[in-house]
Amino acid sequence: MPLSTAAGYAAGPAELPPPLSAAAAYAQLARLDVAEPGSMSGYSRARFPHWAQQGKSCDTREVVLARDGADVKQDESCRAISGSWHSEYDGRDLTDASDLDIDHMVPLAQAWRSGANTWTDARRRQFANDLEGPQLIAVSAASNRSKGDQSPDQWRPPQRSYWCVYSRAWIDVKSRYDLTITDAERDALTEMVGTCRSGGEA
């Protein structure tokens, strides 16, 4: 079967669904409830079913790879077999899909500690496969694994120029899902949104 371009999904430079503006991010940040991290008791990645089927044999991972890449070609099973990607976290340019991870902007374990432990599995499935908000982005596997389940007071993208978008996206996701933040997380996010004033806002 001939190679196809991204099975109906437009390929281009890595770009999240637009997060909140800087002004809106500050406003939403002030509204988020502050609480200490909850227990990890009962947590499992299996409690956040992913990657869900999205039609045309594509699962969520393949949809994001197509969305965030350029000139992405897929096989008949929707697997990305060629293309190029720019990892916004660390500035790396990649041409092999196996070198990329799909990062959950707010990691699953982090969400569990900040309120997702009370959700239904269906709600967690929605969170883990959310293509409408700025929750999923294709980045280098190395940067995603360096981040792990850490919040912005513990880990920030090595590429400082991305802090503006990253913090706005983090606040957007936490607001959409009514998740809590810690004092340290709030302070870090405030600082990172502040970088938008120096030309970092996309």
N, C-alpha and C. Protein backbone atom coordinates (compact mmCIF):
# COMPACT_ATOMS: atom_id res chain seq x y z
N MET A 1 0.86 -1.20 0.00
CA MET A 1 0.00 0.00 0.00
C MET A 1 0.88 1.24 0.00
N PRO A 2 0.58 2.28 -0.81
CA PRO A 2 1.40 3.48 -0.84
C PRO A 2 1.40 4.16 0.52
N LEU A 3 2.49 4.86 0.77
CA LEU A 3 2.56 5.63 2.00
C LEU A 3 1.57 6.78 1.92
N SER A 4 1.03 7.15 3.05
CA SER A 4 0.09 8.26 3.09
C SER A 4 0.59 9.30 4.08
N THR A 5 0.13 10.52 3.88
CA THR A 5 0.51 11.59 4.80
C THR A 5 -0.51 11.71 5.91
N ALA A 6 -0.13 11.29 7.09
CA ALA A 6 -0.84 11.57 8.33
C ALA A 6 -2.34 11.35 8.30
N ALA A 7 -2.81 10.39 7.56
CA ALA A 7 -4.19 9.89 7.63
C ALA A 7 -5.23 10.95 7.96
N GLY A 8 -5.16 12.06 7.26
CA GLY A 8 -6.19 13.08 7.45
C GLY A 8 -5.85 14.12 8.49
N TYR A 9 -4.72 13.98 9.18
CA TYR A 9 -4.33 14.96 10.18
C TYR A 9 -3.20 15.82 9.62
N ALA A 10 -3.35 17.13 9.65
CA ALA A 10 -2.36 18.03 9.06
C ALA A 10 -1.05 17.99 9.83
N ALA A 11 0.04 17.80 9.11
CA ALA A 11 1.36 17.80 9.73
C ALA A 11 1.93 19.20 9.71
N GLY A 12 2.71 19.53 10.72
CA GLY A 12 3.35 20.83 10.77
C GLY A 12 4.27 20.89 11.96
N PRO A 13 4.83 22.06 12.23
CA PRO A 13 5.69 22.20 13.40
C PRO A 13 4.92 21.83 14.67
N ALA A 14 5.64 21.30 15.66
CA ALA A 14 4.99 20.92 16.91
C ALA A 14 4.22 22.10 17.49
N GLU A 15 2.96 21.90 17.74
CA GLU A 15 2.13 22.98 18.25
C GLU A 15 0.97 22.42 19.04
N LEU A 16 0.94 22.75 20.32
CA LEU A 16 -0.19 22.35 21.16
C LEU A 16 -1.45 23.08 20.73
N PRO A 17 -2.63 22.50 21.02
CA PRO A 17 -3.83 23.33 20.94
C PRO A 17 -3.58 24.57 21.79
N PRO A 18 -3.93 25.76 21.30
CA PRO A 18 -3.52 26.99 22.00
C PRO A 18 -3.92 26.99 23.47
N PRO A 19 -2.96 27.17 24.36
CA PRO A 19 -3.30 27.28 25.78
C PRO A 19 -3.80 28.67 26.11
N LEU A 20 -4.09 28.89 27.35
CA LEU A 20 -4.53 30.20 27.82
C LEU A 20 -3.51 31.28 27.49
N SER A 21 -3.99 32.50 27.30
CA SER A 21 -3.07 33.63 27.18
C SER A 21 -2.37 33.82 28.53
N ALA A 22 -1.32 34.62 28.55
CA ALA A 22 -0.61 34.86 29.80
C ALA A 22 -1.53 35.50 30.84
N ALA A 23 -2.33 36.48 30.41
CA ALA A 23 -3.23 37.15 31.35
C ALA A 23 -4.26 36.18 31.91
N ALA A 24 -4.81 35.33 31.03
CA ALA A 24 -5.81 34.35 31.49
C ALA A 24 -5.16 33.30 32.38
N ALA A 25 -3.91 32.96 32.08
CA ALA A 25 -3.20 31.97 32.90
C ALA A 25 -3.00 32.50 34.32
N TYR A 26 -2.59 33.76 34.45
CA TYR A 26 -2.45 34.35 35.78
C TYR A 26 -3.79 34.30 36.53
N ALA A 27 -4.86 34.63 35.83
CA ALA A 27 -6.19 34.65 36.47
C ALA A 27 -6.61 33.25 36.90
N GLN A 28 -6.41 32.27 36.05
CA GLN A 28 -6.78 30.89 36.39
C GLN A 28 -5.90 30.35 37.51
N LEU A 29 -4.62 30.69 37.47
CA LEU A 29 -3.71 30.23 38.52
C LEU A 29 -4.18 30.69 39.89
N ALA A 30 -4.66 31.91 39.96
CA ALA A 30 -5.14 32.45 41.24
C ALA A 30 -6.39 31.73 41.73
N ARG A 31 -7.12 31.09 40.82
CA ARG A 31 -8.36 30.40 41.20
C ARG A 31 -8.14 28.94 41.58
N LEU A 32 -7.00 28.38 41.23
CA LEU A 32 -6.76 26.97 41.54
C LEU A 32 -6.62 26.76 43.04
N ASP A 33 -7.17 25.67 43.53
CA ASP A 33 -7.06 25.34 44.94
C ASP A 33 -5.65 24.86 45.26
N VAL A 34 -5.11 25.35 46.36
CA VAL A 34 -3.79 24.95 46.82
C VAL A 34 -3.94 23.85 47.86
N ALA A 35 -3.20 22.77 47.69
CA ALA A 35 -3.27 21.65 48.63
C ALA A 35 -1.97 20.88 48.57
N GLU A 36 -1.68 20.16 49.64
CA GLU A 36 -0.52 19.28 49.65
C GLU A 36 -0.77 18.09 48.71
N PRO A 37 0.28 17.53 48.13
CA PRO A 37 0.09 16.38 47.24
C PRO A 37 -0.61 15.24 47.97
N GLY A 38 -1.53 14.59 47.27
CA GLY A 38 -2.23 13.46 47.85
C GLY A 38 -1.39 12.20 47.81
N SER A 39 -1.95 11.13 48.34
CA SER A 39 -1.27 9.84 48.39
C SER A 39 -1.22 9.19 47.01
N MET A 40 -0.19 8.39 46.79
CA MET A 40 -0.10 7.60 45.56
C MET A 40 -0.77 6.24 45.74
N SER A 41 -1.41 6.02 46.87
CA SER A 41 -2.08 4.75 47.12
C SER A 41 -3.11 4.46 46.04
N GLY A 42 -3.03 3.28 45.47
CA GLY A 42 -3.98 2.86 44.45
C GLY A 42 -3.61 3.29 43.04
N TYR A 43 -2.53 4.07 42.89
CA TYR A 43 -2.17 4.56 41.57
C TYR A 43 -1.60 3.47 40.68
N SER A 44 -1.99 3.52 39.42
CA SER A 44 -1.39 2.70 38.37
C SER A 44 -1.64 3.41 37.05
N ARG A 45 -0.68 3.36 36.13
CA ARG A 45 -0.90 3.95 34.81
C ARG A 45 -2.10 3.31 34.13
N ALA A 46 -2.39 2.07 34.50
CA ALA A 46 -3.54 1.37 33.92
C ALA A 46 -4.86 2.04 34.32
N ARG A 47 -4.85 2.85 35.37
CA ARG A 47 -6.06 3.56 35.77
C ARG A 47 -6.36 4.74 34.83
N PHE A 48 -5.41 5.05 33.92
CA PHE A 48 -5.57 6.09 32.91
C PHE A 48 -5.43 5.44 31.54
N PRO A 49 -6.45 4.72 31.05
CA PRO A 49 -6.31 3.94 29.81
C PRO A 49 -5.86 4.80 28.63
N HIS A 50 -4.76 4.41 28.03
CA HIS A 50 -4.21 5.11 26.87
C HIS A 50 -3.36 4.10 26.11
N TRP A 51 -3.12 4.19 24.87
CA TRP A 51 -3.60 5.23 23.97
C TRP A 51 -4.89 4.76 23.31
N ALA A 52 -5.93 5.61 23.33
CA ALA A 52 -7.25 5.23 22.81
C ALA A 52 -7.27 5.28 21.28
N GLN A 53 -8.13 4.45 20.70
CA GLN A 53 -8.32 4.49 19.26
C GLN A 53 -9.05 5.78 18.86
N GLN A 54 -8.58 6.39 17.76
CA GLN A 54 -9.15 7.66 17.31
C GLN A 54 -9.73 7.57 15.90
N GLY A 55 -9.88 6.34 15.40
CA GLY A 55 -10.41 6.15 14.06
C GLY A 55 -9.31 5.99 13.03
N LYS A 56 -9.63 5.41 11.87
CA LYS A 56 -8.68 5.19 10.77
C LYS A 56 -7.46 4.40 11.24
N SER A 57 -7.66 3.49 12.18
CA SER A 57 -6.59 2.66 12.75
C SER A 57 -5.58 3.45 13.57
N CYS A 58 -5.87 4.72 13.83
CA CYS A 58 -4.94 5.57 14.57
C CYS A 58 -5.29 5.59 16.06
N ASP A 59 -4.26 5.47 16.90
CA ASP A 59 -4.49 5.71 18.32
C ASP A 59 -4.00 7.12 18.65
N THR A 60 -4.17 7.51 19.88
CA THR A 60 -3.85 8.89 20.28
C THR A 60 -2.39 9.22 20.01
N ARG A 61 -1.49 8.28 20.30
CA ARG A 61 -0.06 8.54 20.06
C ARG A 61 0.19 8.90 18.60
N GLU A 62 -0.37 8.12 17.69
CA GLU A 62 -0.11 8.37 16.28
C GLU A 62 -0.73 9.68 15.80
N VAL A 63 -1.89 10.04 16.35
CA VAL A 63 -2.51 11.32 16.00
C VAL A 63 -1.60 12.47 16.41
N VAL A 64 -1.03 12.40 17.62
CA VAL A 64 -0.17 13.49 18.09
C VAL A 64 1.13 13.53 17.29
N LEU A 65 1.69 12.39 16.96
CA LEU A 65 2.89 12.37 16.12
C LEU A 65 2.62 13.03 14.78
N ALA A 66 1.45 12.77 14.20
CA ALA A 66 1.10 13.39 12.93
C ALA A 66 0.88 14.89 13.09
N ARG A 67 0.21 15.28 14.14
CA ARG A 67 -0.08 16.70 14.38
C ARG A 67 1.19 17.49 14.62
N ASP A 68 2.12 16.92 15.37
CA ASP A 68 3.29 17.67 15.82
C ASP A 68 4.50 17.53 14.90
N GLY A 69 4.38 16.76 13.84
CA GLY A 69 5.50 16.57 12.95
C GLY A 69 5.34 17.29 11.63
N ALA A 70 6.37 17.24 10.81
CA ALA A 70 6.33 17.79 9.46
C ALA A 70 6.59 16.65 8.47
N ASP A 71 5.82 16.65 7.37
CA ASP A 71 5.98 15.64 6.32
C ASP A 71 5.90 14.22 6.88
N VAL A 72 4.96 14.00 7.79
CA VAL A 72 4.81 12.69 8.42
C VAL A 72 4.14 11.72 7.45
N LYS A 73 4.75 10.58 7.25
CA LYS A 73 4.18 9.51 6.43
C LYS A 73 3.84 8.34 7.35
N GLN A 74 2.67 7.74 7.11
CA GLN A 74 2.20 6.64 7.94
C GLN A 74 1.95 5.40 7.09
N ASP A 75 2.08 4.23 7.69
CA ASP A 75 1.77 2.99 6.98
C ASP A 75 0.27 2.70 7.11
N GLU A 76 -0.14 1.55 6.60
CA GLU A 76 -1.57 1.23 6.60
C GLU A 76 -2.13 1.04 8.00
N SER A 77 -1.25 0.87 8.99
CA SER A 77 -1.69 0.74 10.38
C SER A 77 -1.58 2.04 11.14
N CYS A 78 -1.30 3.14 10.43
CA CYS A 78 -1.23 4.48 11.00
C CYS A 78 0.06 4.74 11.76
N ARG A 79 1.02 3.85 11.69
CA ARG A 79 2.30 4.08 12.35
C ARG A 79 3.13 5.09 11.56
N ALA A 80 3.70 6.05 12.27
CA ALA A 80 4.56 7.04 11.62
C ALA A 80 5.88 6.37 11.23
N ILE A 81 6.16 6.33 9.93
CA ILE A 81 7.38 5.65 9.47
C ILE A 81 8.40 6.62 8.91
N SER A 82 8.02 7.88 8.75
CA SER A 82 9.00 8.91 8.40
C SER A 82 8.40 10.26 8.74
N GLY A 83 9.27 11.26 8.80
CA GLY A 83 8.84 12.60 9.15
C GLY A 83 9.93 13.29 9.94
N SER A 84 9.65 14.48 10.39
CA SER A 84 10.61 15.20 11.24
C SER A 84 9.84 15.90 12.35
N TRP A 85 10.48 15.97 13.49
CA TRP A 85 9.86 16.55 14.67
C TRP A 85 10.87 17.44 15.39
N HIS A 86 10.38 18.51 15.98
CA HIS A 86 11.20 19.38 16.82
C HIS A 86 10.71 19.26 18.24
N SER A 87 11.56 18.82 19.13
CA SER A 87 11.20 18.65 20.54
C SER A 87 11.32 19.99 21.25
N GLU A 88 10.18 20.55 21.62
CA GLU A 88 10.17 21.89 22.22
C GLU A 88 10.84 21.93 23.58
N TYR A 89 10.88 20.83 24.28
CA TYR A 89 11.45 20.84 25.63
C TYR A 89 12.95 21.08 25.61
N ASP A 90 13.65 20.41 24.68
CA ASP A 90 15.11 20.49 24.69
C ASP A 90 15.72 20.95 23.38
N GLY A 91 14.87 21.34 22.41
CA GLY A 91 15.36 21.89 21.17
C GLY A 91 15.93 20.88 20.18
N ARG A 92 15.73 19.59 20.42
CA ARG A 92 16.28 18.58 19.53
C ARG A 92 15.40 18.39 18.30
N ASP A 93 16.04 18.15 17.15
CA ASP A 93 15.34 17.80 15.93
C ASP A 93 15.51 16.30 15.69
N LEU A 94 14.39 15.62 15.44
CA LEU A 94 14.38 14.16 15.35
C LEU A 94 13.69 13.71 14.07
N THR A 95 14.13 12.58 13.54
CA THR A 95 13.52 12.04 12.32
C THR A 95 13.06 10.60 12.47
N ASP A 96 13.17 10.05 13.67
CA ASP A 96 12.73 8.69 13.95
C ASP A 96 11.67 8.73 15.04
N ALA A 97 10.45 8.29 14.71
CA ALA A 97 9.34 8.37 15.67
C ALA A 97 9.63 7.60 16.95
N SER A 98 10.49 6.61 16.86
CA SER A 98 10.80 5.83 18.07
C SER A 98 11.62 6.63 19.07
N ASP A 99 12.17 7.76 18.65
CA ASP A 99 12.93 8.61 19.55
C ASP A 99 12.05 9.63 20.27
N LEU A 100 10.74 9.55 20.00
CA LEU A 100 9.81 10.50 20.60
C LEU A 100 8.88 9.81 21.58
N ASP A 101 8.51 10.55 22.62
CA ASP A 101 7.43 10.15 23.52
C ASP A 101 6.31 11.17 23.38
N ILE A 102 5.09 10.75 23.67
CA ILE A 102 3.98 11.70 23.79
C ILE A 102 3.87 12.04 25.27
N ASP A 103 4.24 13.26 25.59
CA ASP A 103 4.22 13.68 26.98
C ASP A 103 2.84 14.15 27.39
N HIS A 104 2.41 13.72 28.58
CA HIS A 104 1.24 14.31 29.22
C HIS A 104 1.73 15.56 29.94
N MET A 105 1.27 16.72 29.48
CA MET A 105 1.72 17.99 30.08
C MET A 105 1.63 17.90 31.60
N VAL A 106 0.47 17.57 32.13
CA VAL A 106 0.34 17.24 33.55
C VAL A 106 0.42 15.72 33.64
N PRO A 107 1.53 15.19 34.17
CA PRO A 107 1.72 13.74 34.18
C PRO A 107 0.60 13.01 34.92
N LEU A 108 0.40 11.76 34.54
CA LEU A 108 -0.69 10.98 35.12
C LEU A 108 -0.55 10.85 36.64
N ALA A 109 0.64 10.53 37.10
CA ALA A 109 0.84 10.38 38.55
C ALA A 109 0.67 11.71 39.26
N GLN A 110 1.10 12.80 38.63
CA GLN A 110 0.94 14.11 39.22
C GLN A 110 -0.55 14.46 39.33
N ALA A 111 -1.30 14.11 38.29
CA ALA A 111 -2.74 14.34 38.33
C ALA A 111 -3.39 13.52 39.43
N TRP A 112 -2.95 12.28 39.59
CA TRP A 112 -3.49 11.41 40.65
C TRP A 112 -3.32 12.07 42.01
N ARG A 113 -2.14 12.64 42.25
CA ARG A 113 -1.85 13.26 43.55
C ARG A 113 -2.60 14.57 43.75
N SER A 114 -3.14 15.13 42.66
CA SER A 114 -3.81 16.43 42.79
C SER A 114 -5.29 16.37 42.48
N GLY A 115 -5.87 15.15 42.57
CA GLY A 115 -7.32 15.04 42.50
C GLY A 115 -7.87 13.96 41.60
N ALA A 116 -7.06 13.45 40.66
CA ALA A 116 -7.57 12.45 39.72
C ALA A 116 -7.84 11.10 40.38
N ASN A 117 -7.36 10.91 41.60
CA ASN A 117 -7.63 9.66 42.32
C ASN A 117 -9.12 9.49 42.61
N THR A 118 -9.87 10.58 42.58
CA THR A 118 -11.31 10.50 42.87
C THR A 118 -12.15 10.35 41.61
N TRP A 119 -11.53 10.41 40.45
CA TRP A 119 -12.28 10.35 39.20
C TRP A 119 -12.71 8.93 38.87
N THR A 120 -13.64 8.85 37.92
CA THR A 120 -13.97 7.55 37.33
C THR A 120 -12.88 7.19 36.32
N ASP A 121 -12.78 5.91 35.99
CA ASP A 121 -11.81 5.50 34.98
C ASP A 121 -12.11 6.15 33.64
N ALA A 122 -13.37 6.41 33.35
CA ALA A 122 -13.73 7.07 32.09
C ALA A 122 -13.17 8.49 32.04
N ARG A 123 -13.23 9.18 33.17
CA ARG A 123 -12.67 10.54 33.24
C ARG A 123 -11.15 10.49 33.08
N ARG A 124 -10.53 9.51 33.69
CA ARG A 124 -9.07 9.39 33.56
C ARG A 124 -8.68 9.04 32.13
N ARG A 125 -9.50 8.23 31.46
CA ARG A 125 -9.25 7.91 30.05
C ARG A 125 -9.30 9.18 29.20
N GLN A 126 -10.30 10.02 29.47
CA GLN A 126 -10.41 11.28 28.74
C GLN A 126 -9.17 12.14 28.95
N PHE A 127 -8.72 12.23 30.19
CA PHE A 127 -7.55 13.03 30.55
C PHE A 127 -6.31 12.52 29.82
N ALA A 128 -6.14 11.22 29.78
CA ALA A 128 -4.93 10.62 29.21
C ALA A 128 -4.90 10.70 27.69
N ASN A 129 -6.03 11.00 27.06
CA ASN A 129 -6.12 11.03 25.59
C ASN A 129 -6.67 12.35 25.07
N ASP A 130 -6.52 13.41 25.86
CA ASP A 130 -7.15 14.69 25.55
C ASP A 130 -6.45 15.38 24.38
N LEU A 131 -7.13 15.43 23.24
CA LEU A 131 -6.60 16.10 22.05
C LEU A 131 -7.16 17.51 21.89
N GLU A 132 -8.06 17.90 22.76
CA GLU A 132 -8.68 19.22 22.63
C GLU A 132 -7.92 20.29 23.42
N GLY A 133 -7.44 19.96 24.60
CA GLY A 133 -6.66 20.89 25.38
C GLY A 133 -5.17 20.69 25.14
N PRO A 134 -4.33 21.51 25.78
CA PRO A 134 -2.88 21.42 25.59
C PRO A 134 -2.23 20.39 26.50
N GLN A 135 -2.76 19.17 26.51
CA GLN A 135 -2.30 18.14 27.43
C GLN A 135 -1.28 17.20 26.81
N LEU A 136 -1.22 17.09 25.48
CA LEU A 136 -0.35 16.11 24.85
C LEU A 136 0.58 16.78 23.85
N ILE A 137 1.86 16.40 23.88
CA ILE A 137 2.82 16.97 22.94
C ILE A 137 3.92 15.94 22.68
N ALA A 138 4.35 15.87 21.43
CA ALA A 138 5.45 14.97 21.05
C ALA A 138 6.78 15.65 21.37
N VAL A 139 7.58 15.00 22.20
CA VAL A 139 8.89 15.53 22.58
C VAL A 139 9.90 14.39 22.58
N SER A 140 11.17 14.73 22.70
CA SER A 140 12.19 13.69 22.74
C SER A 140 11.94 12.77 23.93
N ALA A 141 12.17 11.49 23.72
CA ALA A 141 12.00 10.53 24.81
C ALA A 141 12.89 10.89 25.99
N ALA A 142 14.09 11.39 25.69
CA ALA A 142 15.02 11.74 26.77
C ALA A 142 14.45 12.84 27.66
N SER A 143 13.85 13.88 27.06
CA SER A 143 13.32 14.98 27.87
C SER A 143 12.08 14.53 28.64
N ASN A 144 11.25 13.70 28.02
CA ASN A 144 10.05 13.23 28.71
C ASN A 144 10.43 12.37 29.92
N ARG A 145 11.43 11.55 29.77
CA ARG A 145 11.82 10.67 30.87
C ARG A 145 12.57 11.43 31.96
N SER A 146 13.23 12.51 31.57
CA SER A 146 13.85 13.38 32.56
C SER A 146 12.77 14.07 33.41
N LYS A 147 11.69 14.46 32.76
CA LYS A 147 10.58 15.11 33.46
C LYS A 147 9.89 14.14 34.41
N GLY A 148 9.62 12.92 33.94
CA GLY A 148 8.92 11.96 34.79
C GLY A 148 7.56 12.49 35.21
N ASP A 149 7.27 12.40 36.51
CA ASP A 149 5.97 12.88 37.00
C ASP A 149 6.13 14.16 37.82
N GLN A 150 7.19 14.92 37.52
CA GLN A 150 7.50 16.10 38.32
C GLN A 150 6.70 17.33 37.90
N SER A 151 6.40 18.17 38.87
CA SER A 151 5.69 19.42 38.64
C SER A 151 6.70 20.53 38.33
N PRO A 152 6.24 21.72 37.91
CA PRO A 152 7.16 22.77 37.47
C PRO A 152 8.13 23.28 38.52
N ASP A 153 7.84 23.09 39.79
CA ASP A 153 8.82 23.47 40.81
C ASP A 153 9.95 22.45 40.91
N GLN A 154 9.77 21.29 40.28
CA GLN A 154 10.77 20.22 40.33
C GLN A 154 11.48 20.03 38.99
N TRP A 155 10.79 20.35 37.90
CA TRP A 155 11.37 20.18 36.56
C TRP A 155 10.77 21.20 35.61
N ARG A 156 11.65 21.78 34.80
CA ARG A 156 11.22 22.71 33.76
C ARG A 156 11.92 22.34 32.46
N PRO A 157 11.32 22.64 31.31
CA PRO A 157 12.00 22.33 30.05
C PRO A 157 13.39 22.97 30.01
N PRO A 158 14.40 22.20 29.60
CA PRO A 158 15.75 22.78 29.50
C PRO A 158 15.79 24.01 28.61
N GLN A 159 14.92 24.06 27.60
CA GLN A 159 14.86 25.21 26.71
C GLN A 159 13.99 26.28 27.34
N ARG A 160 14.64 27.26 27.94
CA ARG A 160 13.94 28.30 28.69
C ARG A 160 12.91 29.05 27.86
N SER A 161 13.17 29.16 26.55
CA SER A 161 12.25 29.90 25.69
C SER A 161 10.87 29.24 25.63
N TYR A 162 10.77 27.99 26.07
CA TYR A 162 9.47 27.31 26.05
C TYR A 162 8.73 27.43 27.38
N TRP A 163 9.33 28.06 28.37
CA TRP A 163 8.68 28.15 29.68
C TRP A 163 7.35 28.86 29.61
N CYS A 164 7.25 29.89 28.77
CA CYS A 164 6.00 30.65 28.67
C CYS A 164 4.85 29.74 28.23
N VAL A 165 5.05 29.01 27.14
CA VAL A 165 4.00 28.12 26.65
C VAL A 165 3.75 26.98 27.64
N TYR A 166 4.83 26.41 28.18
CA TYR A 166 4.71 25.27 29.08
C TYR A 166 3.87 25.62 30.31
N SER A 167 4.16 26.75 30.92
CA SER A 167 3.43 27.14 32.14
C SER A 167 1.97 27.45 31.85
N ARG A 168 1.71 28.11 30.73
CA ARG A 168 0.33 28.41 30.36
C ARG A 168 -0.45 27.12 30.08
N ALA A 169 0.21 26.17 29.42
CA ALA A 169 -0.45 24.90 29.14
C ALA A 169 -0.72 24.13 30.43
N TRP A 170 0.25 24.11 31.34
CA TRP A 170 0.09 23.40 32.62
C TRP A 170 -1.11 23.97 33.40
N ILE A 171 -1.17 25.30 33.49
CA ILE A 171 -2.26 25.95 34.21
C ILE A 171 -3.60 25.66 33.52
N ASP A 172 -3.59 25.69 32.19
CA ASP A 172 -4.81 25.41 31.42
C ASP A 172 -5.34 24.02 31.75
N VAL A 173 -4.46 23.01 31.73
CA VAL A 173 -4.89 21.64 32.00
C VAL A 173 -5.39 21.50 33.43
N LYS A 174 -4.65 22.05 34.38
CA LYS A 174 -5.09 21.95 35.77
C LYS A 174 -6.45 22.62 35.97
N SER A 175 -6.68 23.72 35.25
CA SER A 175 -7.96 24.43 35.37
C SER A 175 -9.09 23.63 34.74
N ARG A 176 -8.84 23.07 33.54
CA ARG A 176 -9.86 22.30 32.85
C ARG A 176 -10.35 21.13 33.68
N TYR A 177 -9.43 20.53 34.45
CA TYR A 177 -9.77 19.31 35.19
C TYR A 177 -9.90 19.54 36.69
N ASP A 178 -9.91 20.80 37.12
CA ASP A 178 -10.10 21.14 38.54
C ASP A 178 -9.12 20.40 39.44
N LEU A 179 -7.86 20.39 39.03
CA LEU A 179 -6.81 19.76 39.83
C LEU A 179 -6.16 20.79 40.75
N THR A 180 -5.66 20.34 41.87
CA THR A 180 -5.04 21.24 42.83
C THR A 180 -3.57 21.48 42.47
N ILE A 181 -3.00 22.51 43.09
CA ILE A 181 -1.57 22.80 42.97
C ILE A 181 -1.00 22.97 44.37
N THR A 182 0.32 22.87 44.48
CA THR A 182 1.00 23.14 45.75
C THR A 182 1.48 24.59 45.75
N ASP A 183 1.87 25.08 46.92
CA ASP A 183 2.43 26.44 47.01
C ASP A 183 3.67 26.57 46.13
N ALA A 184 4.55 25.57 46.17
CA ALA A 184 5.78 25.63 45.38
C ALA A 184 5.47 25.60 43.89
N GLU A 185 4.49 24.81 43.51
CA GLU A 185 4.07 24.71 42.11
C GLU A 185 3.52 26.06 41.64
N ARG A 186 2.71 26.69 42.46
CA ARG A 186 2.14 28.00 42.11
C ARG A 186 3.24 29.04 41.93
N ASP A 187 4.22 29.04 42.83
CA ASP A 187 5.31 30.02 42.73
C ASP A 187 6.13 29.80 41.46
N ALA A 188 6.39 28.54 41.14
CA ALA A 188 7.16 28.24 39.93
C ALA A 188 6.40 28.65 38.68
N LEU A 189 5.10 28.39 38.65
CA LEU A 189 4.28 28.74 37.50
C LEU A 189 4.20 30.26 37.33
N THR A 190 4.08 30.97 38.44
CA THR A 190 4.05 32.43 38.39
C THR A 190 5.33 32.96 37.74
N GLU A 191 6.46 32.41 38.16
CA GLU A 191 7.75 32.83 37.58
C GLU A 191 7.82 32.51 36.09
N MET A 192 7.36 31.32 35.73
CA MET A 192 7.46 30.90 34.33
C MET A 192 6.53 31.68 33.42
N VAL A 193 5.31 31.97 33.88
CA VAL A 193 4.42 32.81 33.07
C VAL A 193 5.03 34.20 32.92
N GLY A 194 5.79 34.61 33.91
CA GLY A 194 6.47 35.92 33.83
C GLY A 194 7.41 36.03 32.66
N THR A 195 7.92 34.91 32.16
CA THR A 195 8.82 34.96 31.01
C THR A 195 8.08 35.37 29.74
N CYS A 196 6.76 35.29 29.73
CA CYS A 196 5.98 35.71 28.56
C CYS A 196 6.17 37.20 28.29
N ARG A 197 6.43 37.97 29.32
CA ARG A 197 6.60 39.41 29.14
C ARG A 197 7.90 39.76 28.43
N SER A 198 8.82 38.80 28.40
CA SER A 198 10.11 39.04 27.74
C SER A 198 10.16 38.45 26.34
N GLY A 199 8.98 38.27 25.74
CA GLY A 199 8.93 37.82 24.36
C GLY A 199 8.69 36.34 24.18
N GLY A 200 8.38 35.61 25.28
CA GLY A 200 8.23 34.18 25.16
C GLY A 200 6.83 33.71 24.83
N GLU A 201 5.86 34.64 24.75
CA GLU A 201 4.47 34.20 24.53
C GLU A 201 4.25 33.86 23.08
N ALA A 202 3.63 32.67 22.85
CA ALA A 202 3.33 32.25 21.49
C ALA A 202 1.90 32.57 21.14
